[in-house]
Amino acid sequence: QGPISGVNREIPVLQCHGDCDPLVPLMFGSLTVEKLKSMINPANVTFRTYSGMMHSSCIEEMMDIKQFIDKHLPPVD
């Protein structure tokens, strides 16, 4: 599939990946982020890796997700 057009091309994406994930190797995360960058504005794609993280989450990842949500979504009243 080729690039996405219109307003969806500008959607911000945060992709997170542990560098020790035994189920989804980091290489697949890297390939996925490159594919995303070819489909939408690459400036809007952020790829974060977490040292020692397996197929799970960590506090640093949760903080990055919170910051991403706070930056890109309107506050809930």
Protein backbone atom coordinates (compact mmCIF):
# COMPACT_ATOMS: atom_id res chain seq x y z
CA GLN A 1 0.00 0.00 0.00
CA GLY A 2 1.23 3.46 -0.85
CA PRO A 3 1.27 6.69 1.12
CA ILE A 4 -1.82 7.84 2.95
CA SER A 5 -3.30 11.12 1.72
CA GLY A 6 -5.22 13.95 3.28
CA VAL A 7 -5.41 14.79 6.93
CA ASN A 8 -4.58 11.21 7.97
CA ARG A 9 -1.08 11.69 6.58
CA GLU A 10 -0.41 14.08 9.47
CA ILE A 11 -1.54 11.78 12.29
CA PRO A 12 1.06 11.48 15.06
CA VAL A 13 2.26 7.96 15.87
CA LEU A 14 4.23 6.72 18.88
CA GLN A 15 5.63 3.22 18.53
CA CYS A 16 7.33 1.63 21.55
CA HIS A 17 9.44 -1.51 21.67
CA GLY A 18 11.59 -3.39 24.15
CA ASP A 19 15.05 -4.31 22.94
CA CYS A 20 14.81 -7.76 24.59
CA ASP A 21 11.36 -8.76 23.32
CA PRO A 22 11.48 -12.52 22.58
CA LEU A 23 8.05 -12.58 20.87
CA VAL A 24 8.37 -9.60 18.53
CA PRO A 25 12.07 -9.01 17.82
CA LEU A 26 13.26 -5.40 17.73
CA MET A 27 14.10 -5.84 14.03
CA PHE A 28 10.36 -6.21 13.29
CA GLY A 29 9.61 -3.03 15.23
CA SER A 30 12.27 -1.23 13.21
CA LEU A 31 10.82 -2.52 9.94
CA THR A 32 7.34 -1.45 11.02
CA VAL A 33 8.41 2.09 11.86
CA GLU A 34 10.13 2.43 8.47
CA LYS A 35 6.94 1.26 6.73
CA LEU A 36 4.91 3.80 8.73
CA LYS A 37 7.33 6.57 7.75
CA SER A 38 6.78 5.68 4.09
CA MET A 39 3.01 5.93 4.48
CA ILE A 40 2.57 9.07 6.62
CA ASN A 41 4.61 12.17 7.34
CA PRO A 42 7.82 10.70 8.77
CA ALA A 43 8.26 13.74 11.01
CA ASN A 44 5.15 12.60 12.91
CA VAL A 45 6.44 9.10 13.65
CA THR A 46 8.30 8.53 16.92
CA PHE A 47 9.97 5.20 17.68
CA ARG A 48 11.14 4.58 21.24
CA THR A 49 13.06 1.57 22.46
CA TYR A 50 13.52 0.52 26.07
CA SER A 51 16.66 -1.18 27.28
CA GLY A 52 16.10 -4.57 28.86
CA MET A 53 12.34 -4.54 28.27
CA MET A 54 10.86 -7.81 27.06
CA HIS A 55 7.31 -8.32 25.69
CA SER A 56 5.89 -6.11 28.44
CA SER A 57 5.91 -2.49 29.53
CA CYS A 58 7.94 -0.36 31.89
CA ILE A 59 7.56 2.90 33.80
CA GLU A 60 9.59 4.84 31.19
CA GLU A 61 7.33 3.60 28.41
CA MET A 62 4.19 4.52 30.35
CA MET A 63 5.58 8.02 30.97
CA ASP A 64 6.36 8.43 27.24
CA ILE A 65 2.82 7.33 26.38
CA LYS A 66 1.36 9.77 28.91
CA GLN A 67 3.41 12.64 27.44
CA PHE A 68 2.32 11.66 23.92
CA ILE A 69 -1.35 11.60 24.93
CA ASP A 70 -1.06 14.90 26.80
CA LYS A 71 0.57 16.52 23.76
CA HIS A 72 -1.77 15.22 21.06
CA LEU A 73 -5.20 14.74 22.61
CA PRO A 74 -7.43 17.40 24.14
CA PRO A 75 -7.96 17.23 27.90
CA VAL A 76 -11.01 15.39 29.17
CA ASP A 77 -13.36 17.56 31.22
